[in-house]
C-alpha cells in the first residue's frame, strides 16, 4: 500500500530508503541498522496484522518511528490504544486538520476507514497532536520519550495538498538527533 511519493519525500531529505514487507520481524529490521522506521499506509483493518503490531511494539524506544494512515493506526495499537471502523470513512483531498501544538490548520488528503479511539489513549504514553476539524477524530499522536509519532492523513499526497511535508523534516530531525 505504500505510495512512491513517500520514498521520494524521504530521499529528497537525504534518506536512503530500504523497503521491507509488512511481515518483516523486528530482529530483521534491527539487523538492517536503520536510523528510523517509517510505517506506511495500506488497506484494511489494522487489527488484521497482529504480528506487525507486535513488531512495532518491539521497536518502540529503540528507533525513531513515523507512521501515516494504516501506520498511524498500527503505531497506536502497538502502544495499547484501540481503533474502530468509521461509519463512512474519510475520503478526499480537502480535510482540515488542526495541529494542536502549533494551532495551524493543514488541508490534508485522506483515504481510510478506521480511526484511533480517544478513550483508549488514557492508559498509554501517547498524546494527541492533530485533530480532524470535520468530525473531531484523532489525526495525530506522539510519544516523545520513544521518538515516535504518526498522522492519520497523507503528508506525501501527490497530487494533493502539500501542507504537511514538514512532518518528513520532523522525522529526519529525530533520526539525526539520535546520532548527535
C-alpha atoms as a PDB file:
ATOM      1  CA  UNK A   1       0.000   0.000   0.000  1.00  0.00           C
ATOM      2  CA  UNK A   2       2.984   2.352   0.168  1.00  0.00           C
ATOM      3  CA  UNK A   3       2.985   5.195  -2.339  1.00  0.00           C
ATOM      4  CA  UNK A   4       6.107   6.069  -4.325  1.00  0.00           C
ATOM      5  CA  UNK A   5       5.929   9.665  -3.194  1.00  0.00           C
ATOM      6  CA  UNK A   6       6.714   8.535   0.357  1.00  0.00           C
ATOM      7  CA  UNK A   7      10.076   7.278  -0.877  1.00  0.00           C
ATOM      8  CA  UNK A   8      10.539  10.467  -2.920  1.00  0.00           C
ATOM      9  CA  UNK A   9       9.689  12.594   0.120  1.00  0.00           C
ATOM     10  CA  UNK A  10      12.297  10.786   2.227  1.00  0.00           C
ATOM     11  CA  UNK A  11      15.047  10.650  -0.413  1.00  0.00           C
ATOM     12  CA  UNK A  12      14.556  14.372  -1.121  1.00  0.00           C
ATOM     13  CA  UNK A  13      15.628  14.872   2.501  1.00  0.00           C
ATOM     14  CA  UNK A  14      18.783  12.799   2.120  1.00  0.00           C
ATOM     15  CA  UNK A  15      17.431   9.481   3.374  1.00  0.00           C
ATOM     16  CA  UNK A  16      18.466   6.159   1.905  1.00  0.00           C
ATOM     17  CA  UNK A  17      15.308   4.046   1.937  1.00  0.00           C
ATOM     18  CA  UNK A  18      15.077   0.273   2.290  1.00  0.00           C
ATOM     19  CA  UNK A  19      11.559  -1.062   1.775  1.00  0.00           C
ATOM     20  CA  UNK A  20      10.630  -4.242   3.636  1.00  0.00           C
ATOM     21  CA  UNK A  21       7.383  -6.257   3.595  1.00  0.00           C
ATOM     22  CA  UNK A  22       4.727  -5.884   6.268  1.00  0.00           C
ATOM     23  CA  UNK A  23       5.705  -9.161   7.947  1.00  0.00           C
ATOM     24  CA  UNK A  24       9.409  -8.387   8.459  1.00  0.00           C
ATOM     25  CA  UNK A  25      10.457  -9.207  12.025  1.00  0.00           C
ATOM     26  CA  UNK A  26      11.849  -6.680  14.491  1.00  0.00           C
ATOM     27  CA  UNK A  27      15.107  -8.639  14.525  1.00  0.00           C
ATOM     28  CA  UNK A  28      15.447  -8.397  10.744  1.00  0.00           C
ATOM     29  CA  UNK A  29      14.665  -4.668  10.848  1.00  0.00           C
ATOM     30  CA  UNK A  30      17.248  -4.077  13.582  1.00  0.00           C
ATOM     31  CA  UNK A  31      19.723  -6.135  11.549  1.00  0.00           C
ATOM     32  CA  UNK A  32      19.469  -3.508   8.811  1.00  0.00           C
ATOM     33  CA  UNK A  33      20.640  -0.899  11.357  1.00  0.00           C
ATOM     34  CA  UNK A  34      18.130   1.764  10.293  1.00  0.00           C
ATOM     35  CA  UNK A  35      18.224   5.329  11.554  1.00  0.00           C
ATOM     36  CA  UNK A  36      14.433   5.302  11.592  1.00  0.00           C
ATOM     37  CA  UNK A  37      11.406   3.207  10.714  1.00  0.00           C
ATOM     38  CA  UNK A  38       8.578   4.522   8.566  1.00  0.00           C
ATOM     39  CA  UNK A  39       5.188   2.781   8.805  1.00  0.00           C
ATOM     40  CA  UNK A  40       3.335   3.291   5.537  1.00  0.00           C
ATOM     41  CA  UNK A  41      -0.258   3.471   4.528  1.00  0.00           C
ATOM     42  CA  UNK A  42      -2.100   0.383   3.366  1.00  0.00           C
ATOM     43  CA  UNK A  43      -5.532  -1.186   3.087  1.00  0.00           C
ATOM     44  CA  UNK A  44      -7.894  -2.634   5.625  1.00  0.00           C
ATOM     45  CA  UNK A  45      -8.413  -3.190   9.308  1.00  0.00           C
ATOM     46  CA  UNK A  46      -5.198  -2.584  11.289  1.00  0.00           C
ATOM     47  CA  UNK A  47      -6.078  -5.365  13.744  1.00  0.00           C
ATOM     48  CA  UNK A  48      -5.717  -7.876  10.889  1.00  0.00           C
ATOM     49  CA  UNK A  49      -1.896  -7.679  11.202  1.00  0.00           C
ATOM     50  CA  UNK A  50      -1.152  -8.586  14.844  1.00  0.00           C
ATOM     51  CA  UNK A  51       2.413  -9.651  14.044  1.00  0.00           C
ATOM     52  CA  UNK A  52       3.138  -6.205  12.575  1.00  0.00           C
ATOM     53  CA  UNK A  53       1.708  -4.563  15.688  1.00  0.00           C
ATOM     54  CA  UNK A  54       3.980  -6.779  17.814  1.00  0.00           C
ATOM     55  CA  UNK A  55       6.993  -5.930  15.624  1.00  0.00           C
ATOM     56  CA  UNK A  56       6.353  -2.221  16.108  1.00  0.00           C
ATOM     57  CA  UNK A  57       5.845  -2.755  19.857  1.00  0.00           C
ATOM     58  CA  UNK A  58       9.300  -4.402  19.987  1.00  0.00           C
ATOM     59  CA  UNK A  59      10.882  -1.442  18.163  1.00  0.00           C
ATOM     60  CA  UNK A  60       9.363   1.254  20.407  1.00  0.00           C
ATOM     61  CA  UNK A  61      12.052   3.350  22.055  1.00  0.00           C
ATOM     62  CA  UNK A  62      14.867   1.765  20.033  1.00  0.00           C
ATOM     63  CA  UNK A  63      14.471   3.586  16.717  1.00  0.00           C
ATOM     64  CA  UNK A  64      12.573   6.765  15.736  1.00  0.00           C
ATOM     65  CA  UNK A  65       9.244   5.791  14.150  1.00  0.00           C
ATOM     66  CA  UNK A  66       6.948   7.795  11.846  1.00  0.00           C
ATOM     67  CA  UNK A  67       3.637   6.356  10.642  1.00  0.00           C
ATOM     68  CA  UNK A  68       0.925   7.522   8.293  1.00  0.00           C
ATOM     69  CA  UNK A  69      -2.632   6.254   7.765  1.00  0.00           C
ATOM     70  CA  UNK A  70      -2.519   2.488   8.465  1.00  0.00           C
ATOM     71  CA  UNK A  71       0.923   3.095  10.004  1.00  0.00           C
ATOM     72  CA  UNK A  72      -0.699   5.597  12.392  1.00  0.00           C
ATOM     73  CA  UNK A  73      -3.256   3.008  13.438  1.00  0.00           C
ATOM     74  CA  UNK A  74      -0.624   0.277  13.864  1.00  0.00           C
ATOM     75  CA  UNK A  75       1.601   2.566  15.955  1.00  0.00           C
ATOM     76  CA  UNK A  76      -1.373   3.444  18.165  1.00  0.00           C
ATOM     77  CA  UNK A  77      -2.257  -0.238  18.588  1.00  0.00           C
ATOM     78  CA  UNK A  78       1.380  -1.024  19.470  1.00  0.00           C
ATOM     79  CA  UNK A  79       1.032   1.361  22.428  1.00  0.00           C
ATOM     80  CA  UNK A  80      -2.171  -0.341  23.570  1.00  0.00           C
ATOM     81  CA  UNK A  81      -4.728   2.040  22.063  1.00  0.00           C
ATOM     82  CA  UNK A  82      -7.757   0.743  20.168  1.00  0.00           C
ATOM     83  CA  UNK A  83      -9.185   1.505  16.732  1.00  0.00           C
ATOM     84  CA  UNK A  84     -12.737   1.496  15.393  1.00  0.00           C
ATOM     85  CA  UNK A  85     -14.405   1.500  11.992  1.00  0.00           C
ATOM     86  CA  UNK A  86     -15.745   4.864  10.859  1.00  0.00           C
ATOM     87  CA  UNK A  87     -19.324   4.906   9.561  1.00  0.00           C
ATOM     88  CA  UNK A  88     -18.308   6.340   6.176  1.00  0.00           C
ATOM     89  CA  UNK A  89     -14.539   6.737   6.360  1.00  0.00           C
ATOM     90  CA  UNK A  90     -12.527   9.785   5.367  1.00  0.00           C
ATOM     91  CA  UNK A  91     -12.016  10.196   1.635  1.00  0.00           C
ATOM     92  CA  UNK A  92     -10.696  13.075  -0.428  1.00  0.00           C
ATOM     93  CA  UNK A  93      -8.173  15.855  -0.576  1.00  0.00           C
ATOM     94  CA  UNK A  94      -9.701  18.658   1.429  1.00  0.00           C
ATOM     95  CA  UNK A  95      -9.962  17.570   5.073  1.00  0.00           C
ATOM     96  CA  UNK A  96      -8.960  20.320   7.534  1.00  0.00           C
ATOM     97  CA  UNK A  97      -6.765  19.063  10.363  1.00  0.00           C
ATOM     98  CA  UNK A  98      -5.552  21.164  13.279  1.00  0.00           C
ATOM     99  CA  UNK A  99      -2.023  20.747  14.591  1.00  0.00           C
ATOM    100  CA  UNK A 100      -2.709  21.092  18.320  1.00  0.00           C
ATOM    101  CA  UNK A 101       0.888  22.080  19.083  1.00  0.00           C
ATOM    102  CA  UNK A 102       1.127  24.982  16.627  1.00  0.00           C
ATOM    103  CA  UNK A 103      -2.556  25.854  16.152  1.00  0.00           C
ATOM    104  CA  UNK A 104      -2.003  25.687  12.389  1.00  0.00           C
ATOM    105  CA  UNK A 105      -4.723  24.232  10.146  1.00  0.00           C
ATOM    106  CA  UNK A 106      -3.498  21.908   7.390  1.00  0.00           C
ATOM    107  CA  UNK A 107      -5.569  20.840   4.407  1.00  0.00           C
ATOM    108  CA  UNK A 108      -4.991  17.105   4.065  1.00  0.00           C
ATOM    109  CA  UNK A 109      -5.620  14.161   1.756  1.00  0.00           C
ATOM    110  CA  UNK A 110      -7.258  11.140   3.372  1.00  0.00           C
ATOM    111  CA  UNK A 111      -8.387   7.650   2.432  1.00  0.00           C
ATOM    112  CA  UNK A 112      -9.149   5.389   5.386  1.00  0.00           C
ATOM    113  CA  UNK A 113     -11.978   3.597   7.140  1.00  0.00           C
ATOM    114  CA  UNK A 114     -10.595   3.319  10.697  1.00  0.00           C
ATOM    115  CA  UNK A 115      -9.726   5.770  13.470  1.00  0.00           C
ATOM    116  CA  UNK A 116      -7.995   5.655  16.853  1.00  0.00           C
ATOM    117  CA  UNK A 117     -10.344   5.605  19.835  1.00  0.00           C
ATOM    118  CA  UNK A 118      -9.777   8.616  22.063  1.00  0.00           C
ATOM    119  CA  UNK A 119     -10.975   6.789  25.177  1.00  0.00           C
ATOM    120  CA  UNK A 120      -8.333   4.096  24.677  1.00  0.00           C
ATOM    121  CA  UNK A 121      -5.416   6.559  24.962  1.00  0.00           C
ATOM    122  CA  UNK A 122      -5.741   7.100  28.716  1.00  0.00           C
ATOM    123  CA  UNK A 123      -3.614   4.065  29.609  1.00  0.00           C
ATOM    124  CA  UNK A 124      -0.897   4.787  27.037  1.00  0.00           C
ATOM    125  CA  UNK A 125       2.038   7.191  26.821  1.00  0.00           C
ATOM    126  CA  UNK A 126       0.554   8.762  23.680  1.00  0.00           C
ATOM    127  CA  UNK A 127      -0.634  12.332  23.366  1.00  0.00           C
ATOM    128  CA  UNK A 128      -2.923  13.660  20.658  1.00  0.00           C
ATOM    129  CA  UNK A 129      -1.148  16.087  18.316  1.00  0.00           C
ATOM    130  CA  UNK A 130      -3.669  16.558  15.477  1.00  0.00           C
ATOM    131  CA  UNK A 131      -7.446  16.649  15.262  1.00  0.00           C
ATOM    132  CA  UNK A 132      -9.867  16.428  12.311  1.00  0.00           C
ATOM    133  CA  UNK A 133     -11.939  19.617  12.264  1.00  0.00           C
ATOM    134  CA  UNK A 134     -14.851  17.960  10.448  1.00  0.00           C
ATOM    135  CA  UNK A 135     -15.651  15.227  12.972  1.00  0.00           C
ATOM    136  CA  UNK A 136     -13.172  15.639  15.851  1.00  0.00           C
ATOM    137  CA  UNK A 137     -11.389  12.325  15.296  1.00  0.00           C
ATOM    138  CA  UNK A 138      -7.738  11.893  16.230  1.00  0.00           C
ATOM    139  CA  UNK A 139      -5.454  12.682  13.286  1.00  0.00           C
ATOM    140  CA  UNK A 140      -2.068  12.513  15.000  1.00  0.00           C
ATOM    141  CA  UNK A 141      -0.328  11.099  18.068  1.00  0.00           C
ATOM    142  CA  UNK A 142       3.165  11.028  19.524  1.00  0.00           C
ATOM    143  CA  UNK A 143       5.292   9.589  22.291  1.00  0.00           C
ATOM    144  CA  UNK A 144       8.193  11.988  22.816  1.00  0.00           C
ATOM    145  CA  UNK A 145      10.144   9.598  25.038  1.00  0.00           C
ATOM    146  CA  UNK A 146      10.223   6.967  22.277  1.00  0.00           C
ATOM    147  CA  UNK A 147      10.697   9.463  19.396  1.00  0.00           C
ATOM    148  CA  UNK A 148       7.570   8.040  17.738  1.00  0.00           C
ATOM    149  CA  UNK A 149       4.764   9.913  16.016  1.00  0.00           C
ATOM    150  CA  UNK A 150       2.122   9.398  13.372  1.00  0.00           C
ATOM    151  CA  UNK A 151      -0.672  11.050  11.442  1.00  0.00           C
ATOM    152  CA  UNK A 152      -3.856   9.583  10.037  1.00  0.00           C
ATOM    153  CA  UNK A 153      -3.675  11.524   6.762  1.00  0.00           C
ATOM    154  CA  UNK A 154      -1.249  11.524   3.820  1.00  0.00           C
ATOM    155  CA  UNK A 155       1.514  14.151   4.108  1.00  0.00           C
ATOM    156  CA  UNK A 156       3.106  12.729   0.937  1.00  0.00           C
ATOM    157  CA  UNK A 157      -0.032  13.294  -1.138  1.00  0.00           C
ATOM    158  CA  UNK A 158       0.793  13.792  -4.794  1.00  0.00           C
ATOM    159  CA  UNK A 159      -1.083  15.288  -6.364  1.00  0.00           C
ATOM    160  CA  UNK A 160      -2.703  16.900  -3.400  1.00  0.00           C
ATOM    161  CA  UNK A 161      -2.206  19.312  -0.533  1.00  0.00           C
ATOM    162  CA  UNK A 162       1.422  19.822   0.439  1.00  0.00           C
ATOM    163  CA  UNK A 163       0.682  21.478   3.786  1.00  0.00           C
ATOM    164  CA  UNK A 164       2.153  18.602   5.800  1.00  0.00           C
ATOM    165  CA  UNK A 165       5.525  17.985   4.157  1.00  0.00           C
ATOM    166  CA  UNK A 166       7.185  19.355   7.294  1.00  0.00           C
ATOM    167  CA  UNK A 167       6.400  16.030   9.003  1.00  0.00           C
ATOM    168  CA  UNK A 168       9.095  14.366   6.909  1.00  0.00           C
ATOM    169  CA  UNK A 169      11.504  17.082   8.132  1.00  0.00           C
ATOM    170  CA  UNK A 170      10.456  16.304  11.706  1.00  0.00           C
ATOM    171  CA  UNK A 171      11.185  12.600  11.151  1.00  0.00           C
ATOM    172  CA  UNK A 172      14.627  13.221   9.645  1.00  0.00           C
ATOM    173  CA  UNK A 173      15.446  15.561  12.557  1.00  0.00           C
ATOM    174  CA  UNK A 174      14.598  12.756  15.030  1.00  0.00           C
ATOM    175  CA  UNK A 175      16.912  10.403  13.153  1.00  0.00           C
ATOM    176  CA  UNK A 176      19.744  12.960  13.156  1.00  0.00           C
ATOM    177  CA  UNK A 177      19.162  13.707  16.848  1.00  0.00           C
ATOM    178  CA  UNK A 178      19.579  10.021  17.615  1.00  0.00           C
ATOM    179  CA  UNK A 179      23.179  10.194  16.329  1.00  0.00           C
ATOM    180  CA  UNK A 180      24.077  13.530  17.916  1.00  0.00           C
END
